[in-house]
Amino acid sequence: MTSRAGSISRRRGRGIPLALRRGTLRRGFTITELMVVMVIMVLLAGLAVPQFVGSMRAERLRTAGRMVVSTAELARSRAVSEARLTRLEFDYENGRLTVYRYLQDAEQEQEPYWEPMTDNLAQARELPGGITIEYVGDDPDMSPAERVEELIFRPDGSSDQAFIVLEGYDEEILVVEVDDIRFMPRVLDVSSRDELNRMAPEELGLNGMGRQ
């Protein structure tokens, strides 16, 4: 049988928090502990930011490479489908790619001329910020004297042969090769000028051009 004193004790204890009744009151974090956690978070963020920025820059360069490949493919496909010459022009200063078609009056009442393509697929494209067109030409050593500003694509699918070198941050490069053998542009597995210079002629598809 429960004593009267025990019943009173239990009733008095009902309004007291469990932690107080057990004598194990939990305390919050101290200022020092919070500051330590914040310092650790700042240090981790400082380590992650450079890697994040580096990956973003590399992705910009890859995006520019895909843009060059798709524009070259477009110029070639339009040359074949329209049975006329097309031209891919490189604006070094503004990082812009423009595709032109060669128009010639059948009755020869007007001089032939190059017309820029303006439809949605063939509009002029600008490379992502921070990416520049460093070189276009068939010289793997990228001699400035050999640099060209345009590539011609013909109705039979052939084209001028060239390396299109894009440069990003920290002198990292991406090289797109256009040749008249594969009929399709490709991105070379190089990331610096030294790697490009070390590649063998057969790897570059020079076919007697460029290096001797």
Protein backbone atom coordinates (compact mmCIF):
# COMPACT_ATOMS: atom_id res chain seq x y z
CA MET A 1 0.00 0.00 0.00
CA THR A 2 1.42 3.35 -1.04
CA SER A 3 2.08 5.72 1.79
CA ARG A 4 0.54 9.17 1.87
CA ALA A 5 3.98 10.80 1.90
CA GLY A 6 4.96 8.94 -1.29
CA SER A 7 1.82 10.07 -3.11
CA ILE A 8 2.46 13.67 -2.16
CA SER A 9 6.07 13.40 -3.37
CA ARG A 10 5.00 12.07 -6.75
CA ARG A 11 2.39 14.77 -7.20
CA ARG A 12 4.90 17.49 -6.40
CA GLY A 13 7.34 16.05 -8.91
CA ARG A 14 4.91 16.05 -11.84
CA GLY A 15 5.57 19.72 -12.68
CA ILE A 16 9.37 19.38 -12.62
CA PRO A 17 11.20 18.62 -15.92
CA LEU A 18 12.63 15.14 -16.18
CA ALA A 19 16.19 16.44 -16.59
CA LEU A 20 15.92 18.40 -13.32
CA ARG A 21 14.42 15.50 -11.46
CA ARG A 22 17.32 13.28 -12.56
CA GLY A 23 19.90 15.92 -11.81
CA THR A 24 21.27 15.81 -15.40
CA LEU A 25 20.45 19.25 -16.76
CA ARG A 26 21.90 19.62 -20.31
CA ARG A 27 23.82 22.80 -21.06
CA GLY A 28 24.15 24.62 -24.45
CA PHE A 29 27.31 25.28 -26.46
CA THR A 30 29.78 27.79 -25.12
CA ILE A 31 31.05 30.75 -27.15
CA THR A 32 34.43 29.08 -27.44
CA GLU A 33 32.93 25.89 -28.87
CA LEU A 34 30.88 27.85 -31.41
CA MET A 35 33.95 29.82 -32.48
CA VAL A 36 35.95 26.61 -32.94
CA VAL A 37 33.20 25.15 -35.15
CA MET A 38 33.05 28.35 -37.22
CA VAL A 39 36.83 28.36 -37.70
CA ILE A 40 36.72 24.75 -38.90
CA MET A 41 33.92 25.58 -41.36
CA VAL A 42 35.87 28.55 -42.74
CA LEU A 43 38.98 26.41 -43.21
CA LEU A 44 37.00 23.71 -45.03
CA ALA A 45 35.39 26.33 -47.28
CA GLY A 46 38.83 27.78 -48.04
CA LEU A 47 40.02 24.36 -49.17
CA ALA A 48 36.94 23.69 -51.30
CA VAL A 49 36.69 27.05 -53.11
CA PRO A 50 39.90 26.72 -55.21
CA GLN A 51 38.86 23.24 -56.36
CA PHE A 52 35.39 24.52 -57.22
CA VAL A 53 36.77 27.50 -59.15
CA GLY A 54 39.22 25.24 -60.99
CA SER A 55 36.48 22.82 -62.03
CA MET A 56 34.30 25.71 -63.21
CA ARG A 57 37.12 27.09 -65.36
CA ALA A 58 37.84 23.66 -66.84
CA GLU A 59 34.14 23.23 -67.64
CA ARG A 60 34.12 26.58 -69.46
CA LEU A 61 36.98 25.42 -71.64
CA ARG A 62 35.22 22.12 -72.40
CA THR A 63 32.02 24.02 -73.22
CA ALA A 64 33.95 26.22 -75.66
CA GLY A 65 35.43 23.10 -77.26
CA ARG A 66 31.99 21.58 -77.75
CA MET A 67 30.83 24.87 -79.25
CA VAL A 68 33.67 24.86 -81.81
CA VAL A 69 33.03 21.21 -82.72
CA SER A 70 29.29 21.74 -83.20
CA THR A 71 29.83 24.90 -85.26
CA ALA A 72 32.34 23.16 -87.53
CA GLU A 73 29.94 20.23 -87.95
CA LEU A 74 27.18 22.67 -88.82
CA ALA A 75 29.31 24.45 -91.43
CA ARG A 76 30.20 21.11 -93.02
CA SER A 77 26.63 19.77 -93.01
CA ARG A 78 25.28 22.98 -94.55
CA ALA A 79 27.92 22.83 -97.30
CA VAL A 80 26.78 19.31 -98.18
CA SER A 81 23.02 19.86 -97.82
CA GLU A 82 23.00 23.17 -99.73
CA ALA A 83 25.63 22.05 -102.28
CA ARG A 84 27.61 25.22 -101.84
CA LEU A 85 30.75 26.47 -100.13
CA THR A 86 30.49 27.51 -96.51
CA ARG A 87 32.99 29.37 -94.38
CA LEU A 88 33.64 29.26 -90.65
CA GLU A 89 35.12 32.58 -89.56
CA PHE A 90 37.06 33.06 -86.30
CA ASP A 91 37.00 36.43 -84.58
CA TYR A 92 40.12 36.31 -82.39
CA GLU A 93 39.43 39.60 -80.64
CA ASN A 94 35.85 38.88 -79.58
CA GLY A 95 35.94 35.07 -79.41
CA ARG A 96 33.12 34.76 -81.93
CA LEU A 97 32.36 32.01 -84.46
CA THR A 98 30.35 32.88 -87.58
CA VAL A 99 29.22 30.61 -90.42
CA TYR A 100 28.80 32.04 -93.94
CA ARG A 101 27.38 30.59 -97.15
CA TYR A 102 28.69 31.39 -100.61
CA LEU A 103 25.99 32.82 -102.85
CA GLN A 104 26.31 33.08 -106.59
CA ASP A 105 23.67 34.38 -108.95
CA ALA A 106 22.87 31.74 -111.59
CA GLU A 107 22.30 34.48 -114.15
CA GLN A 108 25.51 36.21 -113.03
CA GLU A 109 23.76 39.52 -112.65
CA GLN A 110 25.38 39.96 -109.26
CA GLU A 111 28.88 39.33 -108.03
CA PRO A 112 29.25 36.25 -105.77
CA TYR A 113 29.39 37.08 -102.08
CA TRP A 114 29.47 35.54 -98.61
CA GLU A 115 26.29 35.80 -96.56
CA PRO A 116 26.26 35.12 -92.80
CA MET A 117 23.81 32.44 -91.73
CA THR A 118 21.23 33.86 -89.36
CA ASP A 119 18.82 31.01 -88.63
CA ASN A 120 18.53 29.76 -85.05
CA LEU A 121 21.03 26.92 -85.48
CA ALA A 122 23.62 28.89 -87.41
CA GLN A 123 23.67 32.21 -85.61
CA ALA A 124 27.05 33.61 -84.61
CA ARG A 125 28.24 32.16 -81.31
CA GLU A 126 30.49 33.68 -78.68
CA LEU A 127 32.78 31.58 -76.51
CA PRO A 128 32.31 31.62 -72.73
CA GLY A 129 34.00 34.45 -70.85
CA GLY A 130 37.68 33.92 -70.15
CA ILE A 131 38.16 31.62 -73.16
CA THR A 132 40.08 32.93 -76.17
CA ILE A 133 40.80 31.66 -79.67
CA GLU A 134 44.57 31.35 -79.53
CA TYR A 135 45.32 29.86 -82.94
CA VAL A 136 43.70 28.46 -86.09
CA GLY A 137 45.93 26.85 -88.72
CA ASP A 138 47.73 23.67 -89.75
CA ASP A 139 50.99 24.30 -87.90
CA PRO A 140 51.16 22.35 -84.59
CA ASP A 141 53.87 24.78 -83.43
CA MET A 142 51.23 27.52 -83.72
CA SER A 143 53.43 29.99 -85.56
CA PRO A 144 51.65 33.38 -85.68
CA ALA A 145 52.64 33.71 -89.32
CA GLU A 146 50.61 30.59 -90.15
CA ARG A 147 47.47 31.68 -88.32
CA VAL A 148 44.28 31.91 -90.39
CA GLU A 149 40.92 33.50 -89.72
CA GLU A 150 38.62 31.14 -91.62
CA LEU A 151 38.07 27.56 -92.74
CA ILE A 152 36.34 26.60 -95.98
CA PHE A 153 33.96 23.61 -96.21
CA ARG A 154 33.05 22.17 -99.61
CA PRO A 155 29.92 20.47 -100.97
CA ASP A 156 31.67 17.08 -101.07
CA GLY A 157 32.24 17.22 -97.30
CA SER A 158 35.94 18.06 -97.47
CA SER A 159 37.41 21.07 -95.74
CA ASP A 160 40.57 22.97 -94.98
CA GLN A 161 42.71 21.22 -92.40
CA ALA A 162 43.43 23.08 -89.20
CA PHE A 163 43.98 22.98 -85.47
CA ILE A 164 41.70 25.27 -83.51
CA VAL A 165 43.43 26.08 -80.23
CA LEU A 166 41.40 27.55 -77.39
CA GLU A 167 43.10 28.88 -74.29
CA GLY A 168 41.58 29.20 -70.83
CA TYR A 169 42.97 30.11 -67.44
CA ASP A 170 46.54 29.26 -66.39
CA GLU A 171 47.47 28.71 -70.07
CA GLU A 172 45.44 25.50 -70.23
CA ILE A 173 44.48 24.74 -73.82
CA LEU A 174 41.93 22.66 -75.69
CA VAL A 175 42.64 21.66 -79.29
CA VAL A 176 40.00 20.83 -81.90
CA GLU A 177 41.29 19.22 -85.09
CA VAL A 178 39.44 19.61 -88.38
CA ASP A 179 40.68 17.56 -91.34
CA ASP A 180 39.42 16.31 -94.68
CA ILE A 181 40.01 12.64 -93.92
CA ARG A 182 37.72 11.97 -90.96
CA PHE A 183 35.18 14.56 -92.15
CA MET A 184 34.39 15.16 -88.49
CA PRO A 185 36.14 17.52 -86.06
CA ARG A 186 37.60 15.97 -82.93
CA VAL A 187 39.02 17.20 -79.63
CA LEU A 188 42.65 16.15 -79.11
CA ASP A 189 43.75 14.75 -75.78
CA VAL A 190 46.15 17.58 -74.92
CA SER A 191 46.00 20.33 -72.32
CA SER A 192 49.20 22.29 -73.00
CA ARG A 193 51.31 23.46 -75.92
CA ASP A 194 54.13 21.10 -74.95
CA GLU A 195 51.80 18.11 -75.19
CA LEU A 196 50.62 19.24 -78.61
CA ASN A 197 54.21 19.61 -79.83
CA ARG A 198 55.10 16.12 -78.58
CA MET A 199 52.30 14.41 -80.51
CA ALA A 200 53.40 12.41 -83.52
CA PRO A 201 52.27 13.53 -87.00
CA GLU A 202 50.16 10.41 -87.47
CA GLU A 203 48.35 11.14 -84.20
CA LEU A 204 47.59 14.62 -85.46
CA GLY A 205 46.41 13.44 -88.86
CA LEU A 206 48.78 15.81 -90.63
CA ASN A 207 49.00 13.70 -93.78
CA GLY A 208 52.15 15.43 -94.95
CA MET A 209 51.02 18.88 -93.89
CA GLY A 210 52.36 21.03 -91.08
CA ARG A 211 55.44 19.34 -89.61
CA GLN A 212 58.14 18.04 -91.89
